[in-house]
Amino acid sequence: MAPGAQSLRVYASHCLSHPVLADILEREFRVRSRITHGGSARCLQHLRTGDCDAAGFHLAEGALAEGFIRHYLRFFTPADCRVIHAVRRRQGLIVKPGNPRNIAGVEDLARNGVRFVNRQANSGTRMLLDLLLEDRSIDNARIQGYDHIEFTHSAVSALVASDSVDVGIGMETAAVAHDLDFIPLASEVYFYAVRRQEWQQPSVRALRDLLAGQQWREAISAMDGFDVADAGRSLDAEELVVRGLPGPGA
């Protein structure tokens, strides 16, 4: 690490914006980030136990938010944290170009012969799928590949692109990167949570300034599937728990 450089320990749910964040942090703020990927819930747990300075997690907008919050409350203490809005993104089903299996929604995952790849347990993406299946009374045992998991959006897209599976669940940006089609299921916000006692730590201040800055907005706006209109906005985690997130455009 260069003399005078700071470090930032991050446990974060996978997002294709991470390389941009790491690059700007180091180049403009002299902060070297160490980003370790994991499911959103586990990342929040690492924050609670002091294993990281920031935890990246995502939260669905609208009616689905309540289910996410209920699950996350098992892993972190909102009164101890503040959160920073990083990006808004879309999650959905990733299919081959032209959608040859005519997948329209999660109901089609239970059709005979449809090969699916899932995300790991305790990931926010897996939680999104489970909430949608529950809402539609679909038994996950009917889905061929429900237990076939990958740990990143990129890995899911790569399997679809290689014709190893017919459909996966993941973010729009990953689908576009692999020239695949995308069927939106939900809009969500990606946040970084920080413990209150570390809110003024220099490396955390750098993260906050980056997310509110023009370089972040310009770099992320150039990528498909992201919206940075509210990037850099911070609020108490308790407020997020009480209010949830309204639907997009509300």
Protein backbone atom coordinates (compact mmCIF):
# COMPACT_ATOMS: atom_id res chain seq x y z
CA MET A 1 0.00 0.00 0.00
CA ALA A 2 1.30 3.46 -0.88
CA PRO A 3 2.56 5.65 1.99
CA GLY A 4 -0.32 7.53 3.60
CA ALA A 5 -2.97 5.32 1.98
CA GLN A 6 -6.01 4.20 3.97
CA SER A 7 -7.73 0.82 3.78
CA LEU A 8 -11.42 -0.09 3.71
CA ARG A 9 -12.62 -3.57 4.60
CA VAL A 10 -15.86 -4.41 2.80
CA TYR A 11 -18.04 -7.49 2.91
CA ALA A 12 -20.54 -7.12 0.10
CA SER A 13 -23.18 -8.87 -1.90
CA HIS A 14 -21.91 -9.21 -5.46
CA CYS A 15 -22.48 -6.23 -7.74
CA LEU A 16 -20.84 -5.35 -11.04
CA SER A 17 -20.28 -1.82 -9.74
CA HIS A 18 -17.56 -3.01 -7.34
CA PRO A 19 -14.58 -2.68 -9.72
CA VAL A 20 -15.58 0.93 -10.38
CA LEU A 21 -15.84 1.65 -6.67
CA ALA A 22 -12.45 0.09 -5.93
CA ASP A 23 -10.79 1.99 -8.78
CA ILE A 24 -12.10 5.43 -7.80
CA LEU A 25 -11.39 4.85 -4.11
CA GLU A 26 -7.76 4.07 -4.79
CA ARG A 27 -7.14 6.55 -7.59
CA GLU A 28 -8.92 9.59 -6.17
CA PHE A 29 -9.04 8.98 -2.41
CA ARG A 30 -5.90 6.89 -1.80
CA VAL A 31 -8.03 4.23 -0.13
CA ARG A 32 -7.27 0.59 -0.88
CA SER A 33 -10.46 -1.47 -0.60
CA ARG A 34 -10.60 -5.16 0.22
CA ILE A 35 -13.97 -6.41 -1.02
CA THR A 36 -15.04 -9.90 0.01
CA HIS A 37 -18.21 -11.20 -1.60
CA GLY A 38 -20.97 -13.03 0.24
CA GLY A 39 -24.72 -13.05 0.71
CA SER A 40 -26.29 -9.79 1.92
CA ALA A 41 -27.36 -11.23 5.26
CA ARG A 42 -23.93 -12.65 6.07
CA CYS A 43 -22.28 -9.37 5.09
CA LEU A 44 -24.49 -7.52 7.57
CA GLN A 45 -23.55 -10.09 10.18
CA HIS A 46 -19.85 -9.44 9.51
CA LEU A 47 -20.50 -5.74 10.05
CA ARG A 48 -22.18 -6.42 13.40
CA THR A 49 -19.20 -8.46 14.60
CA GLY A 50 -16.69 -5.82 13.47
CA ASP A 51 -15.11 -7.89 10.70
CA CYS A 52 -15.52 -5.08 8.17
CA ASP A 53 -15.90 -1.31 7.89
CA ALA A 54 -18.84 -1.45 5.47
CA ALA A 55 -21.34 -4.07 4.34
CA GLY A 56 -22.94 -4.04 0.90
CA PHE A 57 -26.50 -5.35 0.73
CA HIS A 58 -29.56 -4.87 -1.45
CA LEU A 59 -33.20 -4.28 -0.67
CA ALA A 60 -36.17 -4.72 -2.99
CA GLU A 61 -38.50 -1.80 -3.50
CA GLY A 62 -42.24 -1.87 -2.92
CA ALA A 63 -44.16 -4.73 -1.31
CA LEU A 64 -41.19 -7.11 -1.33
CA ALA A 65 -39.15 -4.87 0.98
CA GLU A 66 -40.88 -6.14 4.12
CA GLY A 67 -39.71 -9.71 3.53
CA PHE A 68 -36.11 -8.58 3.01
CA ILE A 69 -36.11 -6.44 6.15
CA ARG A 70 -37.62 -9.20 8.27
CA HIS A 71 -34.80 -11.51 7.21
CA TYR A 72 -31.99 -8.96 7.60
CA LEU A 73 -33.05 -8.10 11.17
CA ARG A 74 -31.72 -11.49 12.23
CA PHE A 75 -28.21 -10.44 11.20
CA PHE A 76 -27.67 -6.79 12.18
CA THR A 77 -28.81 -4.11 14.64
CA PRO A 78 -30.32 -1.11 12.79
CA ALA A 79 -29.90 1.24 15.76
CA ASP A 80 -26.13 0.81 15.46
CA CYS A 81 -25.88 1.63 11.74
CA ARG A 82 -26.33 4.18 9.01
CA VAL A 83 -26.70 3.29 5.34
CA ILE A 84 -25.55 4.96 2.12
CA HIS A 85 -27.45 4.62 -1.16
CA ALA A 86 -25.08 3.39 -3.89
CA VAL A 87 -27.18 2.40 -6.92
CA ARG A 88 -30.64 1.34 -7.96
CA ARG A 89 -30.67 -1.75 -10.16
CA ARG A 90 -33.03 -4.35 -11.62
CA GLN A 91 -33.11 -8.05 -10.84
CA GLY A 92 -34.76 -10.57 -13.09
CA LEU A 93 -34.50 -13.71 -15.16
CA ILE A 94 -31.55 -14.08 -17.53
CA VAL A 95 -32.23 -16.06 -20.70
CA LYS A 96 -30.59 -16.76 -24.03
CA PRO A 97 -31.03 -14.25 -26.88
CA GLY A 98 -34.51 -14.44 -28.32
CA ASN A 99 -35.77 -16.26 -25.20
CA PRO A 100 -36.16 -19.64 -26.97
CA ARG A 101 -37.89 -21.27 -23.96
CA ASN A 102 -40.48 -18.45 -23.82
CA ILE A 103 -39.80 -17.68 -20.18
CA ALA A 104 -42.11 -14.91 -18.94
CA GLY A 105 -41.84 -15.10 -15.15
CA VAL A 106 -41.02 -17.28 -12.16
CA GLU A 107 -44.03 -19.49 -12.90
CA ASP A 108 -42.19 -20.81 -15.96
CA LEU A 109 -39.28 -22.05 -13.85
CA ALA A 110 -41.50 -24.95 -12.77
CA ARG A 111 -42.21 -26.10 -16.33
CA ASN A 112 -40.92 -29.52 -17.33
CA GLY A 113 -37.51 -29.42 -18.98
CA VAL A 114 -36.60 -25.83 -18.01
CA ARG A 115 -33.05 -25.86 -16.59
CA PHE A 116 -32.44 -23.21 -13.94
CA VAL A 117 -29.43 -21.91 -12.00
CA ASN A 118 -29.99 -20.25 -8.63
CA ARG A 119 -27.95 -18.12 -6.24
CA GLN A 120 -26.66 -19.32 -2.88
CA ALA A 121 -28.72 -19.38 0.32
CA ASN A 122 -28.72 -16.10 2.30
CA SER A 123 -28.02 -14.05 -0.82
CA GLY A 124 -30.44 -11.21 -1.49
CA THR A 125 -31.09 -12.57 -4.98
CA ARG A 126 -32.06 -15.99 -3.60
CA MET A 127 -34.33 -14.26 -1.09
CA LEU A 128 -36.02 -12.32 -3.89
CA LEU A 129 -36.76 -15.55 -5.75
CA ASP A 130 -38.06 -17.28 -2.63
CA LEU A 131 -40.40 -14.39 -1.84
CA LEU A 132 -41.76 -14.40 -5.39
CA LEU A 133 -42.27 -18.17 -5.32
CA GLU A 134 -44.04 -17.94 -1.96
CA ASP A 135 -46.29 -15.16 -3.25
CA ARG A 136 -47.32 -17.37 -6.18
CA SER A 137 -47.57 -20.59 -4.12
CA ILE A 138 -44.91 -22.33 -6.24
CA ASP A 139 -43.09 -25.24 -4.58
CA ASN A 140 -39.35 -24.86 -5.25
CA ALA A 141 -39.10 -28.67 -5.48
CA ARG A 142 -40.79 -28.35 -8.88
CA ILE A 143 -37.89 -26.26 -10.25
CA GLN A 144 -35.15 -28.22 -12.03
CA GLY A 145 -31.96 -26.61 -10.75
CA TYR A 146 -33.27 -24.81 -7.67
CA ASP A 147 -30.35 -26.35 -5.73
CA HIS A 148 -27.87 -25.66 -8.56
CA ILE A 149 -26.17 -22.52 -7.25
CA GLU A 150 -23.60 -19.94 -8.25
CA PHE A 151 -22.13 -17.17 -6.12
CA THR A 152 -22.10 -14.20 -8.51
CA HIS A 153 -24.34 -12.63 -11.14
CA SER A 154 -21.55 -13.04 -13.67
CA ALA A 155 -21.29 -16.79 -13.04
CA VAL A 156 -25.05 -17.19 -13.51
CA SER A 157 -24.93 -15.30 -16.81
CA ALA A 158 -21.95 -17.33 -18.01
CA LEU A 159 -23.87 -20.58 -17.51
CA VAL A 160 -26.82 -19.26 -19.50
CA ALA A 161 -24.51 -18.01 -22.26
CA SER A 162 -22.80 -21.41 -22.49
CA ASP A 163 -26.18 -23.19 -22.81
CA SER A 164 -25.52 -25.14 -19.61
CA VAL A 165 -28.89 -23.89 -18.35
CA ASP A 166 -31.92 -22.20 -19.89
CA VAL A 167 -32.44 -19.48 -17.32
CA GLY A 168 -30.88 -17.95 -14.23
CA ILE A 169 -31.71 -15.17 -11.82
CA GLY A 170 -29.54 -12.08 -11.56
CA MET A 171 -29.02 -8.44 -12.32
CA GLU A 172 -29.64 -6.78 -15.66
CA THR A 173 -26.06 -5.52 -15.97
CA ALA A 174 -24.72 -9.10 -15.97
CA ALA A 175 -27.20 -10.16 -18.65
CA VAL A 176 -26.21 -7.26 -20.91
CA ALA A 177 -22.51 -7.97 -20.38
CA HIS A 178 -23.03 -11.49 -21.79
CA ASP A 179 -25.35 -10.37 -24.63
CA LEU A 180 -28.30 -12.15 -23.06
CA ASP A 181 -31.96 -11.22 -22.74
CA PHE A 182 -33.41 -10.02 -19.46
CA ILE A 183 -36.90 -10.34 -17.96
CA PRO A 184 -37.29 -7.88 -15.07
CA LEU A 185 -38.78 -9.08 -11.79
CA ALA A 186 -38.01 -6.33 -9.28
CA SER A 187 -36.25 -3.02 -8.77
CA GLU A 188 -33.97 -2.74 -5.76
CA VAL A 189 -31.49 -0.43 -4.07
CA TYR A 190 -27.94 -1.41 -3.22
CA PHE A 191 -26.70 0.11 0.05
CA TYR A 192 -23.54 0.17 2.10
CA ALA A 193 -24.16 -0.11 5.85
CA VAL A 194 -21.66 1.38 8.30
CA ARG A 195 -21.62 1.26 12.09
CA ARG A 196 -22.24 4.65 13.70
CA GLN A 197 -18.97 4.57 15.62
CA GLU A 198 -17.05 4.35 12.33
CA TRP A 199 -19.11 6.90 10.37
CA GLN A 200 -16.35 9.54 10.60
CA GLN A 201 -13.48 7.12 9.99
CA PRO A 202 -11.37 8.55 7.09
CA SER A 203 -11.85 5.56 4.80
CA VAL A 204 -15.61 5.57 5.44
CA ARG A 205 -15.76 9.31 4.73
CA ALA A 206 -14.00 8.57 1.45
CA LEU A 207 -16.65 5.96 0.60
CA ARG A 208 -19.41 8.45 1.40
CA ASP A 209 -17.80 11.19 -0.68
CA LEU A 210 -17.23 8.81 -3.59
CA LEU A 211 -20.87 7.67 -3.70
CA ALA A 212 -22.07 11.29 -3.64
CA GLY A 213 -19.55 12.40 -6.26
CA GLN A 214 -19.73 13.08 -9.97
CA GLN A 215 -17.12 10.50 -10.99
CA TRP A 216 -19.22 7.70 -9.52
CA ARG A 217 -22.36 8.95 -11.22
CA GLU A 218 -20.69 9.26 -14.60
CA ALA A 219 -18.94 5.90 -14.46
CA ILE A 220 -22.00 3.96 -13.29
CA SER A 221 -24.38 5.77 -15.64
CA ALA A 222 -22.29 4.43 -18.53
CA MET A 223 -23.19 0.86 -17.47
CA ASP A 224 -26.52 -0.72 -18.43
CA GLY A 225 -29.04 -1.48 -15.72
CA PHE A 226 -28.02 1.07 -13.07
CA ASP A 227 -29.65 4.28 -11.80
CA VAL A 228 -27.61 6.65 -9.63
CA ALA A 229 -30.20 9.40 -9.11
CA ASP A 230 -30.10 8.97 -5.31
CA ALA A 231 -26.47 7.87 -4.99
CA GLY A 232 -24.73 9.18 -1.88
CA ARG A 233 -27.91 9.75 0.12
CA SER A 234 -27.48 8.51 3.68
CA LEU A 235 -30.00 7.72 6.39
CA ASP A 236 -30.33 5.89 9.67
CA ALA A 237 -30.81 2.17 9.22
CA GLU A 238 -33.73 2.37 11.65
CA GLU A 239 -35.51 4.72 9.25
CA LEU A 240 -35.02 2.23 6.44
CA VAL A 241 -36.45 -0.57 8.58
CA VAL A 242 -39.51 1.46 9.58
CA ARG A 243 -40.29 2.94 6.17
CA GLY A 244 -38.92 0.32 3.81
CA LEU A 245 -38.60 1.42 0.19
CA PRO A 246 -41.49 2.69 -1.93
CA GLY A 247 -41.96 1.29 -5.39
CA PRO A 248 -39.82 2.77 -8.18
CA GLY A 249 -40.99 6.19 -9.24
CA ALA A 250 -42.99 6.72 -6.03
